[in-house]
Amino acid sequence: MKTAYTKVPFLAEIRDEPIRKPGPNEVMVRVRACGVCGTDVHIARKIAHDWIAVGHEVVGEIADLGQGVTRFKYGDKVIVENSSFCGVCENCKNDRVDLCLNMYNMDSQPGAAEYITMRENALYQFDGLPFAHAAIAEPLTVALNVIGVAEIPLNSTVCVMGPGPIGLMAVKLAKLAGAKTVILVGNSHSTARLAVGKELGADDVVLADKVNVVDYMKETYPKGMDRVIVTSPPKTLLEAIKMANFGAIIGFIGIDVGGEEKVTFDVNEIHFKRLQLRASHAVPNTMFPIALDLLKRKVIDPARIVTHIFPLDKTQEALDMAGNNKAEVVKVVIEC
């Protein structure tokens, strides 16, 4: 079967690898689509100095069933959880599946591949969506997670930093959660993304490469932000802290590498403003039923998020497009 790997700088290699037959309680999925995540872009740009598997936003249909599988049949359309809670460890049994100590994952299998073999409990059946659109359910679960972490109150003022797919969907989710005003921060070259942000409910768009974000926020919203959702690089946490209102919560998922992951800030500012800084790492994956329902009902229209589709053998072009064409791209999906 064909599988995709990447390494710096935005190189891709299509390999022919054996198909892994499903064992007991496992299912083999014929992959139909795999989203290109910001993490994939980081890997292709900075991280992978040797070949690393591409993709973890996977959807497809059942191709083979291992012994003991009862929940699925051949041809079922399924979404793959790239990380699933075990359900039996101490934390799972104490109702903290989000802190599972024994998570199941993709075992380094490429998501951008013709087939993938997973445990039965890592799959969720769906219908009513094209495969390419269903692939964005995974990043939507990440947006749901960070919005949940931030505990957005009714009638609040929320700033979303970063207009990537997760940030854009967080704009809509913040509105659904009850925010009165949502401000989206991004750079002017992210033309397509900023346009979608407005469609999804952003009341104001701030161009970080054109104005001083903190000064703009203090002048335009002098009470400060009740919540700040940071999907942009870690260095923007410094701006988030300064624009935050007294008692605000800052939820963040932005990552970086190569020293850019290190941030120095004034702890007293957090202390005396009584701020809470909450990390969101949506592993294990949860809330796929909600995500798929929001997409199916077009509360978040997947046709506005998925802007570019590439075949598997064009993975290098897909990665390059996702990482280097912010003017046109919102989300890139690879069809397998």
Protein backbone atom coordinates (compact mmCIF):
# COMPACT_ATOMS: atom_id res chain seq x y z
CA MET A 1 0.00 0.00 0.00
CA LYS A 2 1.05 3.62 -0.52
CA THR A 3 2.06 5.62 2.57
CA ALA A 4 3.35 9.19 2.98
CA TYR A 5 6.34 10.41 4.98
CA THR A 6 7.89 13.87 5.32
CA LYS A 7 11.06 15.61 6.45
CA VAL A 8 12.59 19.09 6.42
CA PRO A 9 12.20 21.18 4.31
CA PHE A 10 8.69 20.25 3.10
CA LEU A 11 9.87 17.07 1.41
CA ALA A 12 7.60 14.06 1.00
CA GLU A 13 8.21 10.45 0.13
CA ILE A 14 5.57 7.95 -0.97
CA ARG A 15 6.48 4.44 0.16
CA ASP A 16 5.08 1.04 -0.69
CA GLU A 17 4.58 -0.78 2.62
CA PRO A 18 2.80 -4.02 3.56
CA ILE A 19 -0.79 -3.83 4.75
CA ARG A 20 -1.10 -4.63 8.44
CA LYS A 21 -3.86 -7.18 8.87
CA PRO A 22 -6.16 -6.58 11.85
CA GLY A 23 -5.67 -8.66 14.98
CA PRO A 24 -8.31 -9.42 17.62
CA ASN A 25 -10.55 -6.39 18.29
CA GLU A 26 -8.85 -4.46 15.49
CA VAL A 27 -10.27 -3.03 12.28
CA MET A 28 -8.55 -2.22 9.02
CA VAL A 29 -9.74 1.06 7.49
CA ARG A 30 -9.46 1.99 3.84
CA VAL A 31 -8.38 5.60 4.26
CA ARG A 32 -10.29 8.01 2.05
CA ALA A 33 -9.09 11.38 3.37
CA CYS A 34 -6.52 12.80 5.78
CA GLY A 35 -6.30 16.44 6.82
CA VAL A 36 -2.99 18.30 6.89
CA CYS A 37 -2.64 19.64 10.42
CA GLY A 38 -0.53 22.55 11.64
CA THR A 39 1.54 19.91 13.42
CA ASP A 40 2.29 18.28 10.07
CA VAL A 41 3.46 21.67 8.82
CA HIS A 42 5.71 22.11 11.88
CA ILE A 43 7.15 18.64 11.27
CA ALA A 44 7.82 19.34 7.59
CA ARG A 45 9.28 22.79 8.28
CA LYS A 46 11.37 22.34 11.43
CA ILE A 47 11.15 19.01 13.23
CA ALA A 48 11.66 16.02 10.94
CA HIS A 49 15.34 15.72 10.06
CA ASP A 50 14.58 12.09 9.28
CA TRP A 51 11.42 10.73 7.68
CA ILE A 52 8.26 10.93 9.84
CA ALA A 53 4.77 9.65 9.03
CA VAL A 54 2.31 12.23 7.68
CA GLY A 55 -1.18 12.76 9.03
CA HIS A 56 -3.49 11.97 11.91
CA GLU A 57 -6.84 13.48 10.82
CA VAL A 58 -8.14 10.29 9.25
CA VAL A 59 -11.47 9.12 7.81
CA GLY A 60 -12.32 6.12 5.67
CA GLU A 61 -14.40 2.96 5.48
CA ILE A 62 -14.14 -0.49 6.99
CA ALA A 63 -12.10 -2.85 4.80
CA ASP A 64 -11.45 -5.80 7.14
CA LEU A 65 -12.50 -6.95 10.60
CA GLY A 66 -10.40 -8.71 13.18
CA GLN A 67 -11.67 -11.47 15.44
CA GLY A 68 -14.17 -10.32 18.04
CA VAL A 69 -15.18 -7.04 16.35
CA THR A 70 -18.92 -6.52 16.74
CA ARG A 71 -19.55 -2.79 16.34
CA PHE A 72 -18.77 -2.44 12.62
CA LYS A 73 -19.40 -4.10 9.26
CA TYR A 74 -17.65 -3.90 5.91
CA GLY A 75 -18.15 -0.56 4.19
CA ASP A 76 -19.08 1.46 7.28
CA LYS A 77 -17.81 5.05 7.08
CA VAL A 78 -15.67 5.80 10.13
CA ILE A 79 -13.55 8.51 11.63
CA VAL A 80 -10.32 7.53 13.38
CA GLU A 81 -9.39 8.82 16.81
CA ASN A 82 -5.64 9.29 16.64
CA SER A 83 -5.56 8.82 20.42
CA SER A 84 -8.18 7.00 22.52
CA PHE A 85 -8.57 6.59 26.26
CA CYS A 86 -8.28 3.04 27.57
CA GLY A 87 -11.31 3.16 29.86
CA VAL A 88 -9.74 0.95 32.53
CA CYS A 89 -6.81 2.85 34.10
CA GLU A 90 -7.12 4.63 37.46
CA ASN A 91 -7.84 8.04 35.93
CA CYS A 92 -10.43 6.68 33.48
CA LYS A 93 -12.19 4.87 36.32
CA ASN A 94 -12.16 8.12 38.32
CA ASP A 95 -14.07 9.89 35.49
CA ARG A 96 -10.96 11.62 34.09
CA VAL A 97 -10.64 9.98 30.69
CA ASP A 98 -8.90 13.18 29.57
CA LEU A 99 -6.01 12.17 31.83
CA CYS A 100 -5.86 8.54 30.70
CA LEU A 101 -2.61 6.84 31.70
CA ASN A 102 -2.70 4.16 29.01
CA MET A 103 -3.92 5.76 25.78
CA TYR A 104 -4.12 3.92 22.47
CA ASN A 105 -2.68 5.72 19.45
CA MET A 106 -1.85 5.17 15.79
CA ASP A 107 1.44 3.38 16.55
CA SER A 108 3.36 5.64 14.13
CA GLN A 109 1.19 4.57 11.18
CA PRO A 110 0.81 7.31 8.57
CA GLY A 111 -2.67 8.73 8.36
CA ALA A 112 -1.94 9.73 4.79
CA ALA A 113 -1.95 6.17 3.51
CA GLU A 114 -4.20 3.74 1.70
CA TYR A 115 -4.92 1.69 4.81
CA ILE A 116 -4.62 1.99 8.57
CA THR A 117 -5.32 -0.64 11.25
CA MET A 118 -6.79 0.53 14.56
CA ARG A 119 -8.43 -0.82 17.68
CA GLU A 120 -12.19 -1.09 17.38
CA ASN A 121 -12.76 1.44 20.16
CA ALA A 122 -10.74 4.09 18.26
CA LEU A 123 -13.35 4.36 15.50
CA TYR A 124 -16.64 6.25 15.29
CA GLN A 125 -19.20 5.68 12.56
CA PHE A 126 -20.66 8.62 10.64
CA ASP A 127 -22.74 9.44 7.60
CA GLY A 128 -24.03 12.48 5.76
CA LEU A 129 -20.63 14.03 5.02
CA PRO A 130 -18.10 13.64 2.20
CA PHE A 131 -14.86 12.10 3.43
CA ALA A 132 -12.86 15.31 2.84
CA HIS A 133 -15.30 17.27 4.98
CA ALA A 134 -15.46 14.67 7.73
CA ALA A 135 -11.65 14.90 8.02
CA ILE A 136 -11.94 18.26 9.75
CA ALA A 137 -13.89 16.75 12.63
CA GLU A 138 -10.58 16.02 14.37
CA PRO A 139 -9.36 19.66 14.43
CA LEU A 140 -12.90 20.67 15.42
CA THR A 141 -12.60 18.43 18.48
CA VAL A 142 -9.39 20.31 19.32
CA ALA A 143 -11.27 23.62 19.07
CA LEU A 144 -14.05 22.20 21.25
CA ASN A 145 -11.45 21.20 23.81
CA VAL A 146 -9.81 24.61 24.08
CA ILE A 147 -13.18 26.36 24.26
CA GLY A 148 -14.17 23.99 27.05
CA VAL A 149 -10.93 24.65 28.90
CA ALA A 150 -11.58 28.40 28.71
CA GLU A 151 -15.08 28.12 30.23
CA ILE A 152 -16.51 31.02 28.24
CA PRO A 153 -19.24 32.85 30.18
CA LEU A 154 -22.36 34.41 28.73
CA ASN A 155 -22.03 37.97 27.40
CA SER A 156 -18.24 37.85 27.56
CA THR A 157 -15.57 39.41 25.36
CA VAL A 158 -13.27 36.83 23.78
CA CYS A 159 -10.12 37.19 21.72
CA VAL A 160 -9.04 34.33 19.47
CA MET A 161 -5.38 34.60 18.49
CA GLY A 162 -4.48 32.78 15.27
CA PRO A 163 -6.77 32.27 12.24
CA GLY A 164 -5.82 28.69 11.45
CA PRO A 165 -8.64 26.15 11.12
CA ILE A 166 -8.74 25.53 14.88
CA GLY A 167 -8.81 29.24 15.67
CA LEU A 168 -11.48 29.90 13.05
CA MET A 169 -13.73 27.17 14.40
CA ALA A 170 -13.06 28.46 17.94
CA VAL A 171 -14.54 31.80 16.84
CA LYS A 172 -17.85 30.11 16.04
CA LEU A 173 -17.75 27.93 19.13
CA ALA A 174 -17.12 30.97 21.35
CA LYS A 175 -20.24 32.57 19.90
CA LEU A 176 -22.23 29.38 20.47
CA ALA A 177 -20.97 29.31 24.07
CA GLY A 178 -22.44 32.76 24.67
CA ALA A 179 -19.71 35.29 23.94
CA LYS A 180 -21.04 38.76 23.17
CA THR A 181 -17.99 39.93 21.24
CA VAL A 182 -15.31 37.83 19.55
CA ILE A 183 -12.13 39.41 18.20
CA LEU A 184 -9.90 37.47 15.79
CA VAL A 185 -6.17 38.29 15.61
CA GLY A 186 -4.12 37.31 12.56
CA ASN A 187 -1.75 38.61 9.92
CA SER A 188 -2.88 40.44 6.80
CA HIS A 189 -1.46 37.79 4.45
CA SER A 190 -3.99 35.23 5.78
CA THR A 191 -6.60 36.64 3.43
CA ALA A 192 -8.83 33.58 2.99
CA ARG A 193 -8.73 32.67 6.66
CA LEU A 194 -9.65 36.13 7.90
CA ALA A 195 -12.59 36.21 5.49
CA VAL A 196 -13.86 32.90 6.89
CA GLY A 197 -13.34 34.23 10.41
CA LYS A 198 -15.76 37.06 9.69
CA GLU A 199 -18.29 34.60 8.25
CA LEU A 200 -18.03 32.47 11.39
CA GLY A 201 -18.89 35.41 13.62
CA ALA A 202 -15.78 37.48 14.36
CA ASP A 203 -17.00 40.96 15.33
CA ASP A 204 -13.58 42.50 14.82
CA VAL A 205 -10.41 41.43 13.02
CA VAL A 206 -7.05 42.76 14.21
CA LEU A 207 -4.05 42.60 11.88
CA ALA A 208 -1.05 41.81 14.07
CA ASP A 209 1.44 42.78 11.36
CA LYS A 210 -0.19 46.20 10.91
CA VAL A 211 -0.95 47.39 14.45
CA ASN A 212 0.31 46.87 17.98
CA VAL A 213 -2.23 44.31 19.18
CA VAL A 214 -2.01 45.19 22.87
CA ASP A 215 -2.35 48.93 22.26
CA TYR A 216 -5.30 48.36 19.93
CA MET A 217 -7.07 46.16 22.45
CA LYS A 218 -6.52 48.58 25.33
CA GLU A 219 -7.88 51.47 23.28
CA THR A 220 -10.82 49.64 21.68
CA TYR A 221 -11.75 47.32 24.54
CA PRO A 222 -10.54 49.12 27.70
CA LYS A 223 -12.13 46.58 30.05
CA GLY A 224 -9.89 43.88 28.58
CA MET A 225 -10.63 40.39 27.35
CA ASP A 226 -12.63 38.07 29.59
CA ARG A 227 -11.16 35.12 27.73
CA VAL A 228 -8.20 34.74 25.35
CA ILE A 229 -7.87 31.65 23.14
CA VAL A 230 -4.28 31.32 21.91
CA THR A 231 -3.85 29.10 18.85
CA SER A 232 -0.91 31.19 17.63
CA PRO A 233 2.79 30.64 18.51
CA PRO A 234 3.75 30.59 22.22
CA LYS A 235 5.37 34.05 22.06
CA THR A 236 1.90 35.57 21.61
CA LEU A 237 1.07 34.52 25.17
CA LEU A 238 2.82 37.74 26.22
CA GLU A 239 0.19 39.76 24.35
CA ALA A 240 -2.59 37.57 25.73
CA ILE A 241 -1.52 38.26 29.30
CA LYS A 242 -1.44 42.02 28.73
CA MET A 243 -4.86 42.23 27.06
CA ALA A 244 -6.57 39.96 29.59
CA ASN A 245 -9.17 41.39 31.96
CA PHE A 246 -8.95 40.99 35.75
CA GLY A 247 -9.78 37.35 36.51
CA ALA A 248 -9.56 36.26 32.88
CA ILE A 249 -8.79 32.76 31.65
CA ILE A 250 -6.27 32.18 28.86
CA GLY A 251 -6.63 28.89 27.01
CA PHE A 252 -3.79 27.95 24.68
CA ILE A 253 -2.80 25.22 22.26
CA GLY A 254 -0.15 26.94 20.15
CA ILE A 255 3.18 25.11 19.97
CA ASP A 256 6.59 25.73 18.43
CA VAL A 257 10.11 24.26 18.45
CA GLY A 258 13.72 25.33 18.02
CA GLY A 259 13.74 27.61 21.05
CA GLU A 260 10.54 29.40 20.02
CA GLU A 261 8.63 27.27 22.52
CA LYS A 262 10.31 29.13 25.41
CA VAL A 263 8.52 32.22 26.74
CA THR A 264 9.47 34.54 29.61
CA PHE A 265 6.78 36.63 31.29
CA ASP A 266 6.12 38.61 34.45
CA VAL A 267 4.51 36.24 36.95
CA ASN A 268 3.37 39.21 39.06
CA GLU A 269 1.16 40.34 36.18
CA ILE A 270 -0.61 36.98 36.26
CA HIS A 271 -0.75 36.99 40.06
CA PHE A 272 -2.17 40.46 40.64
CA LYS A 273 -4.62 40.23 37.72
CA ARG A 274 -5.70 36.81 39.03
CA LEU A 275 -5.29 35.25 35.60
CA GLN A 276 -5.52 31.55 34.84
CA LEU A 277 -3.34 30.06 32.11
CA ARG A 278 -4.80 26.75 30.96
CA ALA A 279 -3.14 24.40 28.49
CA SER A 280 -5.34 22.47 26.09
CA HIS A 281 -3.90 19.29 24.64
CA ALA A 282 -6.79 17.40 23.05
CA VAL A 283 -5.33 13.94 23.65
CA PRO A 284 -7.12 11.61 23.95
CA ASN A 285 -9.54 12.67 21.22
CA THR A 286 -13.07 13.18 22.49
CA MET A 287 -16.28 14.88 21.32
CA PHE A 288 -16.32 13.48 17.78
CA PRO A 289 -20.13 13.02 17.88
CA ILE A 290 -20.57 16.74 18.61
CA ALA A 291 -18.00 17.76 15.99
CA LEU A 292 -19.57 15.62 13.28
CA ASP A 293 -23.04 16.93 14.11
CA LEU A 294 -21.88 20.57 13.88
CA LEU A 295 -20.34 19.86 10.48
CA LYS A 296 -23.29 17.87 9.19
CA ARG A 297 -25.73 20.66 10.16
CA LYS A 298 -23.32 23.26 8.74
CA VAL A 299 -23.22 25.16 12.00
CA ILE A 300 -19.60 25.19 10.90
CA ASP A 301 -19.73 24.74 7.13
CA PRO A 302 -16.95 22.30 6.15
CA ALA A 303 -17.07 23.58 2.56
CA ARG A 304 -15.72 26.92 3.81
CA ILE A 305 -12.93 25.30 5.83
CA VAL A 306 -11.65 22.74 3.28
CA THR A 307 -10.20 24.83 0.46
CA HIS A 308 -7.65 22.53 -1.17
CA ILE A 309 -7.64 18.77 -1.88
CA PHE A 310 -4.65 16.80 -3.16
CA PRO A 311 -4.20 13.13 -4.08
CA LEU A 312 -1.85 11.02 -1.96
CA ASP A 313 0.94 11.07 -4.52
CA LYS A 314 0.91 14.90 -4.31
CA THR A 315 1.61 14.98 -0.56
CA GLN A 316 4.65 17.22 -1.02
CA GLU A 317 2.55 19.81 -2.85
CA ALA A 318 -0.12 19.50 -0.14
CA LEU A 319 2.37 20.19 2.65
CA ASP A 320 3.91 23.10 0.75
CA MET A 321 0.49 24.60 0.08
CA ALA A 322 -0.59 24.25 3.71
CA GLY A 323 2.60 25.79 5.05
CA ASN A 324 3.37 28.51 2.56
CA ASN A 325 0.18 29.84 0.98
CA LYS A 326 -1.77 31.57 3.74
CA ALA A 327 -3.38 33.95 1.24
CA GLU A 328 -5.51 31.20 -0.31
CA VAL A 329 -5.47 28.25 2.08
CA VAL A 330 -7.77 27.59 4.98
CA LYS A 331 -7.44 23.80 5.19
CA VAL A 332 -5.68 21.23 3.00
CA VAL A 333 -6.91 17.64 2.79
CA ILE A 334 -5.18 14.66 1.16
CA GLU A 335 -7.45 12.14 -0.54
CA CYS A 336 -6.08 8.61 -0.35
